[in-house]
Structure formats: C-alpha cells, structure tokens
Amino acid sequence: MPKGVRMQVKRRQIPSFVILPGRKIVDFSVITEPKLEIAGKIMEILSSFGSSVITGTIDLAKDGMLIEGFLDITGMKVPLEELFDVLRTEEGVREAYHGMICENFKVFSAPSVPFAGSHRLVIFRLEHIAGFMNMLKKRWGSAGASVLYALGHNAGIDSIRQFRRIIRAPNRELIEFLLMLGRSFGWYTDYELVKLGEKGGIGRFYDLFECKIVEGKLNKPNSQWMRGFFVGIFDELYRVRVSVEETRCIAKGDPYCEFVAER
C-alpha cells in the first residue's frame, strides 16, 4: 500500500461463542486427514442437511486437519446425529464431534485451547486486561507502574529470544515480525515503524490496548508495559541500553501512541 495509507481495520472473529436470538445453534469439531479438499466436502455435507456455518476455523497441519466452529441448525429437517453419522463415514474423516444444541446463545465446548504456532494463548477481554493494568497504577501508583514496566521489559526480551530461534532474519525484519504479530494479537489496530537503528527508533501505535480504555481521559501518557517491551527488545537485540519515552498517547487525546527510543 502507498506510504501513509492505513488499511481499514477488520474484525477477525475467534469462534469462542455466538449469540443469535431465535436460532438453534450447535458447536462442532471435525478431525481429518491433512487434505484441504476434504474441508470442501465437509462444507457440502453440512449444507446439504440444511445447516449453515456461522463462524469457524480450519487448521491444516502435517499430521491432520482440524475444522471447528458453530452451525445454525434451525432449518434442519433431520436429527443432528444423522448428519454427524454421515460425516464420520466420509473418506478421510477421523473424528466428528458436536456439542449440545442451544437456542440464542452457544459457547464452544470441544476440548481444544487456542495456540499460535507452538505457543499456547490465553484470551482476555480488552476491558479486563487493560483494566487490570490501570488498576495497578491507580491503587499502587509508581510502584504499580514499575511492575508493569518490568513485565513489559521481560516480555520484550523473551519475545526476541523465542523468535530469533525460529526466524533467521536481520534485526529490522525480526522487529517487523513482532510488530505484525502484536497487531494480529489485538495489542493495537495498526502501527508505523517510523525509524529504527542501533541508536534508537520511533514507533506509532493506533488504539493501543493499554491506553484504549482511558482514551481521552488523562492529561499525561499512560503506557508502561509497552514502553518496557521496547526497552527489552533493544536490550536483547542490539545489546544497548536505551530510554523509551511515550511522547504521544491516546489517553491524553492524541491520535496514536508514539514511543521514542534513544541511547
């Protein structure tokens, strides 16, 4: 995309629960051989029985494929178990599971947990994790802020160590990878790496999670965790000590959070 042009932020649903008033909903999980064409056949079978996929994921690996999600079965004319009996006999299908049928609201019940690569994820709502961070500062002041900074610093060091083992790339590419990963995790909706080098850098972050719930409510920058994260990156990647200042912040009405790192 042209420099300075930001893509429209889109919502990427994680199929943990759905709310559909007046509809019958069921969650499902199918394990198959690692052949993508099987997924197409499964979708055809689901549709032929009068069900429709509300949301879901397909995870293709060397040892198998996992298809999970939610079905709207309001218009089905046959018992649900009949549909899954057909799925279980389909060539390439190893297991086919469905949860309880519910109306209006359904939580995913299959025994699976979220992963990104080989790393297990733990998901919190923005209001909960950012609220926890801001409560530390509100209740314990500078001591709480120091704890958040230290946690971010450790996370920055650990992130570089973990991904440097996996990605053999120059330092800038490694940092770009981490920043894109942070965006995919929902830490911010977009970012700009304005400047980067051994002597420091400048990064801008839109809708930073740490500051989002106090957007426009403070008269000073709010981030501590992210500031520590960047110091940890420079400590581990460049082996230099930098100071990082948050020069702009959405908490005090700026359009983005800007961090300036200097030796």
Protein backbone atom coordinates (compact mmCIF):
# COMPACT_ATOMS: atom_id res chain seq x y z
CA MET A 1 0.00 0.00 0.00
CA PRO A 2 1.18 3.61 -0.53
CA LYS A 3 3.17 5.08 2.35
CA GLY A 4 0.97 6.81 4.91
CA VAL A 5 -2.20 4.97 3.83
CA ARG A 6 -3.73 2.79 6.55
CA MET A 7 -5.85 -0.25 5.78
CA GLN A 8 -9.37 -0.37 7.16
CA VAL A 9 -9.37 -2.40 10.37
CA LYS A 10 -11.43 -5.57 10.07
CA ARG A 11 -12.75 -7.80 12.83
CA ARG A 12 -11.30 -11.31 12.93
CA GLN A 13 -13.69 -13.46 14.93
CA ILE A 14 -12.34 -16.09 17.30
CA PRO A 15 -15.03 -18.79 17.48
CA SER A 16 -15.45 -18.97 21.27
CA PHE A 17 -19.17 -18.17 21.46
CA VAL A 18 -22.00 -16.85 19.32
CA ILE A 19 -25.25 -15.02 20.04
CA LEU A 20 -28.10 -15.48 17.56
CA PRO A 21 -31.55 -14.72 19.03
CA GLY A 22 -34.25 -17.11 17.86
CA ARG A 23 -31.84 -19.62 16.27
CA LYS A 24 -30.80 -23.15 17.19
CA ILE A 25 -27.01 -23.37 17.44
CA VAL A 26 -24.52 -26.18 17.93
CA ASP A 27 -20.73 -26.23 18.03
CA PHE A 28 -18.76 -28.85 16.09
CA SER A 29 -15.25 -30.20 15.68
CA VAL A 30 -14.01 -32.48 12.88
CA ILE A 31 -10.54 -34.04 12.60
CA THR A 32 -9.48 -35.29 9.17
CA GLU A 33 -6.50 -36.30 7.12
CA PRO A 34 -4.36 -33.31 6.06
CA LYS A 35 -6.07 -32.72 2.70
CA LEU A 36 -7.71 -29.35 2.10
CA GLU A 37 -10.23 -30.79 -0.39
CA ILE A 38 -11.82 -32.72 2.50
CA ALA A 39 -12.84 -29.40 4.06
CA GLY A 40 -14.78 -28.53 0.91
CA LYS A 41 -16.59 -31.87 1.01
CA ILE A 42 -17.50 -31.38 4.69
CA MET A 43 -18.96 -27.96 3.91
CA GLU A 44 -21.07 -29.54 1.13
CA ILE A 45 -22.42 -32.20 3.52
CA LEU A 46 -23.27 -29.64 6.19
CA SER A 47 -25.12 -27.51 3.65
CA SER A 48 -26.97 -30.47 2.12
CA PHE A 49 -28.53 -31.25 5.52
CA GLY A 50 -29.88 -27.72 5.88
CA SER A 51 -27.30 -26.43 8.33
CA SER A 52 -25.09 -23.37 7.79
CA VAL A 53 -21.71 -22.47 9.24
CA ILE A 54 -21.92 -19.30 11.33
CA THR A 55 -18.20 -18.97 12.05
CA GLY A 56 -15.25 -21.33 12.30
CA THR A 57 -11.61 -22.13 11.61
CA ILE A 58 -9.62 -24.60 9.53
CA ASP A 59 -6.19 -25.59 10.87
CA LEU A 60 -4.15 -27.60 8.37
CA ALA A 61 -1.01 -29.33 9.69
CA LYS A 62 1.24 -32.16 8.51
CA ASP A 63 -0.40 -34.74 10.73
CA GLY A 64 -4.03 -33.74 10.22
CA MET A 65 -6.63 -31.03 9.76
CA LEU A 66 -8.93 -29.57 12.41
CA ILE A 67 -12.22 -27.95 11.38
CA GLU A 68 -14.15 -26.23 14.18
CA GLY A 69 -16.96 -23.77 14.52
CA PHE A 70 -20.67 -23.17 15.04
CA LEU A 71 -23.65 -24.34 12.99
CA ASP A 72 -27.08 -22.78 12.64
CA ILE A 73 -29.35 -25.83 12.51
CA THR A 74 -32.68 -24.03 12.81
CA GLY A 75 -33.82 -25.19 9.37
CA MET A 76 -32.66 -28.81 9.62
CA LYS A 77 -35.39 -31.41 8.95
CA VAL A 78 -33.45 -34.46 10.19
CA PRO A 79 -31.86 -35.29 13.58
CA LEU A 80 -28.42 -33.76 14.10
CA GLU A 81 -26.91 -37.17 14.87
CA GLU A 82 -27.86 -38.36 11.38
CA LEU A 83 -25.75 -35.56 9.89
CA PHE A 84 -22.76 -36.49 12.05
CA ASP A 85 -23.13 -40.18 11.23
CA VAL A 86 -22.66 -39.21 7.59
CA LEU A 87 -19.63 -37.05 8.44
CA ARG A 88 -18.00 -39.89 10.37
CA THR A 89 -18.25 -42.23 7.39
CA GLU A 90 -16.84 -39.68 4.92
CA GLU A 91 -13.45 -40.71 3.49
CA GLY A 92 -10.58 -39.00 5.31
CA VAL A 93 -12.60 -38.10 8.43
CA ARG A 94 -11.08 -39.40 11.67
CA GLU A 95 -13.40 -37.88 14.28
CA ALA A 96 -16.58 -35.78 14.22
CA TYR A 97 -17.96 -34.19 17.39
CA HIS A 98 -20.85 -31.90 18.21
CA GLY A 99 -21.92 -30.27 21.45
CA MET A 100 -25.35 -29.68 22.91
CA ILE A 101 -27.96 -27.86 20.87
CA CYS A 102 -28.78 -24.45 22.35
CA GLU A 103 -31.09 -21.61 21.41
CA ASN A 104 -29.99 -17.97 21.18
CA PHE A 105 -26.51 -18.44 22.67
CA LYS A 106 -23.74 -21.08 22.46
CA VAL A 107 -20.25 -21.44 23.92
CA PHE A 108 -17.68 -23.65 22.18
CA SER A 109 -17.45 -26.91 24.16
CA ALA A 110 -14.95 -29.11 22.32
CA PRO A 111 -11.77 -29.84 24.36
CA SER A 112 -9.37 -27.56 22.49
CA VAL A 113 -7.38 -24.49 23.54
CA PRO A 114 -6.02 -21.65 21.34
CA PHE A 115 -2.44 -21.79 20.06
CA ALA A 116 -0.33 -19.55 17.84
CA GLY A 117 2.31 -21.82 16.36
CA SER A 118 3.67 -23.81 19.28
CA HIS A 119 2.69 -21.19 21.85
CA ARG A 120 -0.47 -21.54 23.90
CA LEU A 121 -2.62 -18.41 24.06
CA VAL A 122 -4.75 -17.15 26.92
CA ILE A 123 -7.52 -14.77 25.84
CA PHE A 124 -8.85 -11.89 27.94
CA ARG A 125 -11.29 -9.16 27.00
CA LEU A 126 -9.67 -5.78 26.40
CA GLU A 127 -11.59 -4.27 29.32
CA HIS A 128 -10.27 -6.93 31.69
CA ILE A 129 -6.56 -6.94 30.86
CA ALA A 130 -6.29 -3.16 30.35
CA GLY A 131 -8.44 -2.62 33.42
CA PHE A 132 -6.06 -4.80 35.43
CA MET A 133 -3.07 -2.76 34.26
CA ASN A 134 -4.67 0.58 35.03
CA MET A 135 -5.90 -0.65 38.42
CA LEU A 136 -2.30 -1.45 39.38
CA LYS A 137 -1.30 2.14 38.68
CA LYS A 138 -4.39 3.61 40.33
CA ARG A 139 -4.00 1.61 43.54
CA TRP A 140 -0.22 1.46 43.92
CA GLY A 141 0.92 4.50 41.93
CA SER A 142 4.55 4.50 40.83
CA ALA A 143 5.10 1.03 42.32
CA GLY A 144 2.33 -0.41 40.12
CA ALA A 145 3.73 1.42 37.10
CA SER A 146 7.18 -0.06 37.81
CA VAL A 147 5.71 -3.58 37.93
CA LEU A 148 4.06 -3.10 34.53
CA TYR A 149 7.28 -1.70 33.06
CA ALA A 150 9.25 -4.69 34.38
CA LEU A 151 6.69 -7.14 32.97
CA GLY A 152 6.86 -5.46 29.56
CA HIS A 153 10.65 -5.42 29.66
CA ASN A 154 10.75 -9.16 30.35
CA ALA A 155 8.22 -9.81 27.57
CA GLY A 156 10.34 -7.87 25.08
CA ILE A 157 13.47 -9.86 25.94
CA ASP A 158 11.63 -13.19 25.86
CA SER A 159 9.93 -12.40 22.53
CA ILE A 160 13.26 -11.70 20.82
CA ARG A 161 14.85 -14.84 22.29
CA GLN A 162 11.93 -17.07 21.27
CA PHE A 163 11.53 -15.86 17.71
CA ARG A 164 15.22 -15.43 16.94
CA ARG A 165 15.48 -19.23 17.30
CA ILE A 166 12.75 -19.65 14.68
CA ILE A 167 13.38 -16.79 12.27
CA ARG A 168 16.82 -16.31 10.80
CA ALA A 169 16.41 -12.70 9.72
CA PRO A 170 18.06 -9.28 10.07
CA ASN A 171 17.16 -7.29 13.16
CA ARG A 172 14.71 -4.95 11.43
CA GLU A 173 12.80 -7.85 9.85
CA LEU A 174 12.60 -9.57 13.23
CA ILE A 175 11.15 -6.45 14.84
CA GLU A 176 8.68 -6.03 11.96
CA PHE A 177 7.59 -9.62 12.53
CA LEU A 178 6.99 -8.95 16.24
CA LEU A 179 5.04 -5.78 15.46
CA MET A 180 2.83 -7.58 12.94
CA LEU A 181 2.32 -10.37 15.48
CA GLY A 182 1.29 -7.81 18.08
CA ARG A 183 -1.28 -6.41 15.67
CA SER A 184 -2.65 -9.89 14.96
CA PHE A 185 -2.97 -10.44 18.74
CA GLY A 186 -5.00 -7.25 19.08
CA TRP A 187 -2.43 -5.21 21.02
CA TYR A 188 -3.14 -2.35 18.58
CA THR A 189 -5.11 -1.97 15.37
CA ASP A 190 -2.19 -0.65 13.30
CA TYR A 191 1.36 0.64 13.65
CA GLU A 192 4.07 2.67 11.89
CA LEU A 193 7.76 1.98 12.36
CA VAL A 194 8.99 5.49 11.61
CA LYS A 195 12.65 4.97 12.45
CA LEU A 196 14.83 2.09 13.66
CA GLY A 197 18.53 1.55 14.33
CA GLU A 198 21.05 0.62 17.00
CA LYS A 199 20.82 4.12 18.44
CA GLY A 200 17.05 4.04 18.84
CA GLY A 201 13.80 4.36 16.95
CA ILE A 202 10.30 5.79 16.72
CA GLY A 203 7.12 3.74 16.61
CA ARG A 204 3.47 4.80 16.43
CA PHE A 205 0.61 2.58 17.56
CA TYR A 206 -3.09 3.09 16.97
CA ASP A 207 -5.67 2.06 19.60
CA LEU A 208 -3.01 0.58 21.90
CA PHE A 209 -4.81 -1.79 24.29
CA GLU A 210 -3.04 -0.48 27.40
CA CYS A 211 -4.40 3.03 26.80
CA LYS A 212 -7.66 2.38 24.95
CA ILE A 213 -9.99 2.21 27.96
CA VAL A 214 -8.70 5.58 29.24
CA GLU A 215 -8.68 7.21 25.81
CA GLY A 216 -9.01 10.99 26.15
CA LYS A 217 -9.42 10.77 29.95
CA LEU A 218 -5.91 11.63 31.19
CA ASN A 219 -3.53 14.57 30.93
CA LYS A 220 -0.35 12.50 30.60
CA PRO A 221 0.92 9.42 28.69
CA ASN A 222 -0.39 6.16 30.12
CA SER A 223 1.69 3.26 28.77
CA GLN A 224 4.19 1.43 30.97
CA TRP A 225 4.02 -2.17 29.72
CA MET A 226 4.62 -1.27 26.08
CA ARG A 227 7.39 1.15 27.00
CA GLY A 228 9.16 -1.63 28.89
CA PHE A 229 8.56 -4.01 25.98
CA PHE A 230 10.57 -1.77 23.63
CA VAL A 231 13.42 -1.39 26.10
CA GLY A 232 13.53 -5.20 26.36
CA ILE A 233 13.70 -5.52 22.57
CA PHE A 234 16.70 -3.18 22.35
CA ASP A 235 18.40 -4.81 25.33
CA GLU A 236 18.24 -8.25 23.77
CA LEU A 237 18.50 -7.49 20.05
CA TYR A 238 21.09 -4.70 19.92
CA ARG A 239 22.71 -5.22 23.35
CA VAL A 240 22.37 -1.49 24.04
CA ARG A 241 20.55 0.35 26.82
CA VAL A 242 18.01 2.86 25.58
CA SER A 243 15.47 5.07 27.29
CA VAL A 244 11.96 5.00 25.86
CA GLU A 245 9.57 7.91 26.22
CA GLU A 246 5.91 7.92 25.20
CA THR A 247 5.71 11.31 23.50
CA ARG A 248 2.11 10.99 22.32
CA CYS A 249 -0.75 8.98 23.80
CA ILE A 250 -4.41 8.41 23.01
CA ALA A 251 -5.09 8.64 26.77
CA LYS A 252 -4.45 12.41 26.53
CA GLY A 253 -6.24 12.90 23.23
CA ASP A 254 -3.50 12.24 20.67
CA PRO A 255 -4.40 10.23 17.53
CA TYR A 256 -1.90 7.47 18.39
CA CYS A 257 0.64 6.39 20.99
CA GLU A 258 4.18 7.29 19.92
CA PHE A 259 7.31 5.85 21.52
CA VAL A 260 10.76 7.36 21.04
CA ALA A 261 13.78 5.22 21.95
CA GLU A 262 17.17 6.92 22.40
CA ARG A 263 20.57 5.84 23.72
